[in-house]
Protein backbone atom coordinates (compact mmCIF):
# COMPACT_ATOMS: atom_id res chain seq x y z
CA MET A 1 -21.95 -2.96 -15.11
CA THR A 2 -19.90 -5.53 -13.20
CA LYS A 3 -21.40 -4.36 -9.89
CA LEU A 4 -24.92 -4.66 -11.38
CA PHE A 5 -24.31 -8.26 -12.46
CA ALA A 6 -22.78 -9.07 -9.08
CA THR A 7 -25.82 -7.62 -7.26
CA LEU A 8 -28.29 -9.51 -9.45
CA ALA A 9 -26.32 -12.75 -9.11
CA GLY A 10 -26.23 -12.38 -5.33
CA THR A 11 -29.99 -11.72 -5.30
CA ILE A 12 -30.67 -14.84 -7.36
CA VAL A 13 -28.52 -17.01 -5.10
CA PHE A 14 -30.08 -15.59 -1.93
CA SER A 15 -33.61 -15.98 -3.36
CA THR A 16 -32.89 -19.61 -4.17
CA LEU A 17 -31.72 -20.24 -0.61
CA ILE A 18 -34.91 -18.66 0.77
CA ALA A 19 -37.03 -20.81 -1.55
CA GLY A 20 -35.21 -23.90 -0.32
CA PHE A 21 -35.68 -22.89 3.31
CA LEU A 22 -39.41 -22.24 2.86
CA SER A 23 -39.84 -25.58 1.11
CA ALA A 24 -37.93 -27.37 3.85
CA ILE A 25 -40.31 -26.06 6.53
CA GLY A 26 -43.34 -26.95 4.38
CA PHE A 27 -44.28 -23.39 3.47
CA GLY A 28 -45.96 -22.64 0.12
CA GLY A 29 -46.77 -24.93 -2.78
CA GLY A 30 -43.48 -26.73 -3.25
CA PHE A 31 -39.94 -25.74 -4.19
CA ALA A 32 -40.70 -24.74 -7.79
CA ILE A 33 -43.48 -22.32 -6.83
CA ASN A 34 -41.50 -20.96 -3.88
CA LEU A 35 -38.51 -20.44 -6.19
CA VAL A 36 -40.57 -18.44 -8.69
CA PHE A 37 -42.07 -16.26 -5.96
CA SER A 38 -38.69 -15.77 -4.28
CA GLN A 39 -36.95 -14.76 -7.50
CA CYS A 40 -39.74 -12.40 -8.58
CA ILE A 41 -39.89 -10.64 -5.22
CA GLY A 42 -36.12 -10.54 -4.71
CA LEU A 43 -35.32 -9.24 -8.20
CA SER A 44 -38.15 -6.70 -8.12
CA ILE A 45 -36.92 -5.25 -4.84
CA ALA A 46 -33.28 -5.35 -5.99
CA MET A 47 -34.00 -3.53 -9.26
CA LEU A 48 -36.06 -0.81 -7.56
CA LEU A 49 -33.41 -0.29 -4.88
CA LEU A 50 -30.65 -0.09 -7.48
CA ALA A 51 -32.63 2.59 -9.29
CA VAL A 52 -33.06 4.50 -6.01
CA LEU A 53 -29.38 4.20 -5.09
CA HIS A 54 -28.27 5.55 -8.47
CA ALA A 55 -30.73 8.45 -8.38
CA ASN A 56 -29.37 11.87 -7.45
CA LEU A 57 -31.53 12.39 -4.36
CA PRO A 58 -30.91 13.93 -0.92
CA PRO A 59 -30.17 11.33 1.79
CA LEU A 60 -33.58 11.64 3.51
CA LEU A 61 -35.55 11.45 0.28
CA ARG A 62 -33.41 8.55 -0.89
CA GLY A 63 -34.19 6.67 2.33
CA LEU A 64 -37.92 7.21 1.88
CA ALA A 65 -37.69 6.15 -1.75
CA ALA A 66 -35.82 2.99 -0.72
CA ALA A 67 -38.54 2.11 1.83
CA ALA A 68 -41.21 2.67 -0.81
CA GLY A 69 -39.21 0.56 -3.26
CA ILE A 70 -39.19 -2.35 -0.81
CA VAL A 71 -43.00 -2.26 -0.42
CA VAL A 72 -43.67 -1.80 -4.12
CA GLY A 73 -41.10 -4.46 -5.05
CA ALA A 74 -42.67 -7.00 -2.70
CA ALA A 75 -46.16 -6.31 -4.12
CA LEU A 76 -44.94 -6.35 -7.70
CA GLY A 77 -42.94 -9.54 -7.15
CA GLY A 78 -45.95 -11.26 -5.61
CA PHE A 79 -48.10 -10.26 -8.57
CA LEU A 80 -45.49 -11.54 -11.04
CA GLY A 81 -45.17 -14.78 -9.09
CA ARG A 82 -48.90 -15.43 -9.24
CA LEU A 83 -48.90 -14.52 -12.91
CA LEU A 84 -46.07 -16.90 -13.78
CA THR A 85 -47.16 -19.83 -11.62
CA GLY A 86 -50.85 -19.53 -12.32
CA VAL A 87 -51.52 -19.70 -8.59
CA GLY A 88 -54.45 -17.43 -7.82
CA ARG A 89 -55.47 -15.84 -4.55
CA SER A 90 -56.04 -18.68 -2.13
CA ALA A 91 -58.49 -18.62 0.69
CA ASP A 92 -55.87 -19.25 3.33
CA GLY A 93 -53.71 -16.48 1.93
CA VAL A 94 -50.62 -18.72 1.74
CA HIS A 95 -48.99 -16.93 -1.16
CA GLU A 96 -49.94 -13.50 0.14
CA ALA A 97 -48.23 -14.46 3.39
CA GLN A 98 -45.27 -15.75 1.41
CA SER A 99 -45.03 -12.45 -0.42
CA LEU A 100 -45.19 -10.58 2.86
CA LEU A 101 -42.55 -12.80 4.48
CA LEU A 102 -40.19 -12.54 1.53
CA GLY A 103 -40.77 -8.81 1.35
CA LEU A 104 -39.85 -8.42 5.01
CA VAL A 105 -36.73 -10.58 4.64
CA PHE A 106 -35.55 -8.81 1.51
CA GLY A 107 -36.57 -5.48 2.97
CA ALA A 108 -34.44 -6.01 6.09
CA ILE A 109 -31.46 -7.08 3.97
CA ALA A 110 -31.95 -4.23 1.52
CA ALA A 111 -32.30 -1.71 4.34
CA GLY A 112 -29.05 -2.95 5.87
CA PHE A 113 -27.34 -2.82 2.50
CA PHE A 114 -28.67 0.68 1.87
CA TRP A 115 -27.52 1.93 5.27
CA LEU A 116 -24.04 0.41 4.87
CA ARG A 117 -23.70 1.80 1.37
CA GLU A 118 -24.72 5.29 2.45
CA ARG A 119 -22.38 5.11 5.43
CA ASN A 120 -19.48 3.95 3.27
CA SER A 121 -20.21 6.66 0.70
CA SER A 122 -20.27 9.28 3.43
CA LEU A 123 -17.00 8.03 4.91
CA ARG A 124 -15.43 7.94 1.46
CA ARG A 125 -16.55 11.50 0.73
CA ASP A 126 -15.17 12.68 4.07
CA LEU A 127 -11.88 10.89 3.41
CA GLN A 128 -11.62 12.41 -0.07
CA ALA A 129 -12.39 15.86 1.29
CA ARG A 130 -9.71 15.51 3.97
CA GLU A 131 -7.22 14.21 1.41
CA LEU A 132 -7.97 17.10 -0.96
CA ALA A 133 -7.59 19.56 1.92
CA ARG A 134 -4.27 17.97 2.87
CA LEU A 135 -3.00 18.08 -0.71
CA GLU A 136 -4.10 21.69 -1.11
CA ALA A 137 -2.36 22.65 2.14
CA GLU A 138 0.77 20.83 1.01
CA LYS A 139 0.58 22.55 -2.37
CA GLN A 140 0.24 25.95 -0.72
CA ALA A 141 3.14 25.19 1.60
CA LEU A 142 5.33 24.18 -1.32
CA ALA A 143 4.31 27.29 -3.24
CA ALA A 144 5.25 29.40 -0.22
CA ARG A 145 8.61 27.62 0.02
CA LEU A 146 9.17 28.20 -3.68
CA ARG A 147 8.42 31.91 -3.32
CA LEU A 148 10.76 32.04 -0.32
CA LEU A 149 13.46 30.30 -2.32
CA GLN A 150 13.02 32.79 -5.15
CA ALA A 151 13.02 35.67 -2.68
CA GLN A 152 16.31 34.40 -1.24
CA ILE A 153 17.97 33.84 -4.61
CA GLU A 154 16.92 36.74 -6.82
CA PRO A 155 17.71 39.81 -4.64
CA HIS A 156 21.20 38.56 -3.79
CA PHE A 157 21.90 37.66 -7.41
CA LEU A 158 20.35 40.88 -8.69
CA PHE A 159 22.30 43.15 -6.32
CA ASN A 160 25.59 41.43 -7.14
CA SER A 161 24.92 41.73 -10.87
CA LEU A 162 23.97 45.41 -10.64
CA ALA A 163 27.08 46.05 -8.57
CA ASN A 164 29.14 44.43 -11.31
CA VAL A 165 27.44 46.58 -13.94
CA ALA A 166 28.21 49.72 -11.93
CA ALA A 167 31.85 48.68 -11.53
CA LEU A 168 32.26 47.93 -15.25
CA ILE A 169 30.62 51.07 -16.63
CA ASP A 170 33.78 53.17 -16.35
CA VAL A 171 36.46 50.54 -16.96
CA ASP A 172 34.76 48.34 -19.58
CA PRO A 173 31.51 49.80 -20.96
CA GLY A 174 31.17 46.98 -23.50
CA ARG A 175 31.15 44.27 -20.84
CA ALA A 176 28.84 46.40 -18.69
CA GLY A 177 26.37 46.59 -21.59
CA SER A 178 26.59 42.84 -22.21
CA LEU A 179 26.05 42.14 -18.54
CA LEU A 180 23.04 44.46 -18.45
CA ASP A 181 21.54 42.81 -21.54
CA ALA A 182 21.96 39.35 -19.98
CA LEU A 183 20.44 40.58 -16.74
CA ILE A 184 17.40 41.95 -18.59
CA ARG A 185 16.94 38.60 -20.36
CA TYR A 186 17.21 36.78 -17.07
CA LEU A 187 14.66 39.01 -15.32
CA ARG A 188 12.23 38.78 -18.24
CA SER A 189 12.45 34.98 -18.28
CA SER A 190 12.24 34.80 -14.49
CA LEU A 191 9.08 36.93 -14.35
CA GLN A 192 7.43 34.86 -17.07
CA ARG A 193 8.26 31.63 -15.24
CA THR A 194 7.06 32.76 -11.83
CA ARG A 195 3.81 34.27 -13.12
CA ALA A 196 2.87 31.33 -15.34
CA GLU A 197 1.04 28.33 -13.87
CA GLY A 198 3.09 25.90 -15.93
CA GLY A 199 5.99 26.04 -18.31
CA SER A 200 8.24 23.94 -20.47
CA LEU A 201 11.76 22.63 -20.28
CA GLY A 202 12.62 25.13 -23.01
CA ASP A 203 11.47 27.99 -20.75
CA GLU A 204 13.74 26.73 -17.99
CA VAL A 205 16.68 26.44 -20.40
CA THR A 206 16.13 30.02 -21.61
CA LEU A 207 16.22 31.24 -18.02
CA LEU A 208 19.34 29.23 -17.20
CA LYS A 209 21.20 30.43 -20.29
CA ALA A 210 20.57 34.05 -19.33
CA TYR A 211 21.67 33.25 -15.75
CA LEU A 212 24.87 31.56 -16.93
CA ASP A 213 25.61 34.38 -19.40
CA ILE A 214 25.63 36.77 -16.45
CA LEU A 215 27.93 34.54 -14.44
CA LYS A 216 30.23 34.03 -17.43
CA ILE A 217 30.67 37.80 -17.79
CA ARG A 218 31.46 38.01 -14.08
CA MET A 219 33.76 34.95 -13.99
CA GLY A 220 35.29 35.36 -17.46
CA ASP A 221 37.26 32.40 -18.77
CA ARG A 222 36.85 30.59 -15.47
CA LEU A 223 33.37 29.45 -16.53
CA ASP A 224 32.26 27.55 -19.59
CA TYR A 225 29.01 25.68 -20.08
CA ALA A 226 26.96 23.67 -22.58
CA PHE A 227 23.41 22.36 -22.96
CA LYS A 228 22.87 19.01 -24.67
CA ILE A 229 19.08 18.74 -24.92
CA PRO A 230 17.29 17.25 -27.94
CA PRO A 231 14.91 19.84 -29.51
CA HIS A 232 11.85 17.58 -29.17
CA LEU A 233 12.26 17.59 -25.36
CA LEU A 234 12.21 21.38 -25.03
CA GLY A 235 8.42 21.52 -25.35
CA ARG A 236 7.77 19.11 -22.46
CA GLU A 237 6.05 20.49 -19.38
CA PHE A 238 8.51 21.30 -16.64
CA PRO A 239 8.00 22.92 -13.19
CA PRO A 240 9.93 26.11 -12.41
CA MET A 241 12.88 26.26 -10.01
CA LEU A 242 13.91 22.63 -10.29
CA LEU A 243 17.05 23.08 -12.37
CA GLN A 244 18.23 26.51 -11.26
CA PRO A 245 19.12 25.45 -7.68
CA LEU A 246 21.17 22.57 -9.13
CA VAL A 247 23.04 24.92 -11.46
CA GLU A 248 23.60 27.41 -8.63
CA ASN A 249 25.01 24.68 -6.40
CA ALA A 250 27.37 23.60 -9.18
CA ILE A 251 28.65 27.16 -9.60
CA ARG A 252 28.79 28.16 -5.95
CA HIS A 253 30.19 24.97 -4.42
CA GLY A 254 32.02 23.45 -7.37
CA LEU A 255 33.34 25.96 -9.92
CA GLU A 256 33.75 29.25 -8.06
CA PRO A 257 36.04 27.77 -5.37
CA LYS A 258 38.18 26.11 -8.07
CA LEU A 259 41.21 28.23 -8.91
CA GLY A 260 40.91 27.80 -12.66
CA GLY A 261 37.12 27.55 -12.77
CA GLY A 262 35.66 24.79 -14.85
CA PHE A 263 32.93 23.43 -17.08
CA LEU A 264 29.22 22.87 -16.47
CA GLN A 265 26.98 20.74 -18.67
CA VAL A 266 23.21 20.18 -18.64
CA ASP A 267 21.97 17.06 -20.43
CA ALA A 268 18.44 15.76 -21.04
CA ALA A 269 17.26 12.43 -22.44
CA VAL A 270 14.47 9.89 -22.13
CA ALA A 271 15.55 6.84 -20.14
CA ASP A 272 13.62 4.11 -18.31
CA GLY A 273 10.27 5.83 -18.90
CA CYS A 274 11.54 9.08 -17.38
CA LEU A 275 12.73 12.47 -18.51
CA ARG A 276 16.29 12.34 -17.17
CA ILE A 277 18.13 15.64 -16.71
CA SER A 278 21.65 15.86 -15.35
CA VAL A 279 23.66 18.86 -14.20
CA ALA A 280 27.37 17.99 -14.09
CA ASP A 281 30.42 20.08 -13.20
CA ASP A 282 34.13 19.36 -12.92
CA GLY A 283 34.63 21.54 -9.86
CA VAL A 284 36.15 20.81 -6.47
CA GLY A 285 33.41 18.37 -5.46
CA ILE A 286 32.31 17.91 -1.88
CA ALA A 287 33.83 15.83 0.87
CA GLU A 288 30.70 15.16 2.92
CA ALA A 289 27.67 13.13 1.85
CA PRO A 290 25.91 15.07 -0.92
CA GLY A 291 22.27 16.00 -1.18
CA GLU A 292 21.59 17.35 2.31
CA GLY A 293 21.31 21.11 1.55
CA VAL A 294 18.15 23.15 1.98
CA GLY A 295 17.81 23.77 -1.77
CA LEU A 296 18.03 20.06 -2.57
CA SER A 297 15.57 19.23 0.23
CA ASN A 298 13.12 21.69 -1.30
CA ILE A 299 13.53 20.04 -4.70
CA ARG A 300 12.90 16.58 -3.24
CA ALA A 301 9.79 17.82 -1.41
CA ARG A 302 8.43 19.36 -4.62
CA LEU A 303 9.16 16.20 -6.60
CA LEU A 304 7.26 14.11 -4.07
CA ALA A 305 4.25 16.45 -4.16
CA LEU A 306 4.20 16.78 -7.97
CA TYR A 307 5.04 13.24 -9.05
CA GLY A 308 4.95 11.02 -6.00
CA PRO A 309 7.67 8.40 -5.43
CA ALA A 310 8.14 7.91 -9.20
CA ALA A 311 10.40 11.01 -9.38
CA ARG A 312 13.80 11.23 -7.74
CA LEU A 313 16.89 13.36 -7.39
CA GLU A 314 20.30 11.72 -7.07
CA VAL A 315 23.55 13.54 -6.34
CA ALA A 316 26.90 11.86 -6.95
CA ALA A 317 30.17 13.53 -6.01
CA LYS A 318 33.87 12.87 -5.57
CA VAL A 319 36.38 15.19 -3.97
CA GLY A 320 38.20 17.05 -6.73
CA ALA A 321 36.16 15.35 -9.47
CA GLY A 322 33.01 17.47 -9.51
CA VAL A 323 29.36 16.73 -8.83
CA THR A 324 26.58 15.27 -10.98
CA ALA A 325 22.96 15.88 -9.98
CA THR A 326 20.37 13.79 -11.85
CA LEU A 327 16.62 14.41 -12.00
CA ASP A 328 14.26 11.63 -13.11
CA LEU A 329 10.71 12.80 -13.88
CA PRO A 330 8.07 10.26 -15.01
CA LEU A 331 6.86 10.95 -18.53
CA GLU A 332 3.27 9.87 -17.81
CA ALA A 333 2.69 12.43 -15.01
CA ALA A 334 2.18 16.13 -15.63
CA PRO A 335 3.32 18.70 -13.06
């Protein structure tokens, strides 16, 4: 509606300028009559062209319709001008010539406007198509990287767990059974997460609990963990494989190398308009600058593709004091 008012206002202003120009060169029957004719012709052509531009027509047919609209608008505007001013057909054809002149002027302007609008629309469509193609390619690349990440993680983890089950069957059947139960829960949750298009934070927590149960059986008292997540946040949409690499890093680089093991905690809260999730451990920490691993790079790439610059991953570490990885996901955006 704003564009319509802007177009009509521009037409009125331009028609007034033409009426003033024609009056200045002594054309027509004075400024008032020229103004009426100019406004009638200009608005008639503008309204017909707006109707053509908003019609769902092929480009060639739309161009022909626009040309016809210019001719019809000029004739209709001339008729309305004569009707409103009471000026009839004159012998010298002054007002017919005025209608023709105004029609040609408005027609040239309208044709230029039509061509520029079509060209801009075509360029915009091409740009949108290229952007969609780029986003789809990026999405496919990230999906492939996610599958590769899963392919790297799950076989290694699965083989180690099965080897532990086999080793425990004879010496500790009870622990072997518990480990097998936890492994089944993990695989069931993992398959559901990878096959589903979306998922919730609760789904991710279920998967991580099964994963940590397996590691706790393997590590014994050297591993303890806790989840502090309000129940109302568990139903929020959450992409797969964002938290698991952070938990794996905490175990592999922080708690396993520590002689006495340690504690891992996953927290979630709403802060600063974001869903903030932290994975903290009290392991050995890391000496070098954190956040440069392949797994963390994959997470950052996925965050950028899913949420744009509004999402971020921060990793804070001190030697001997553990590591805290924090995810901030905007609440307004859906993955």
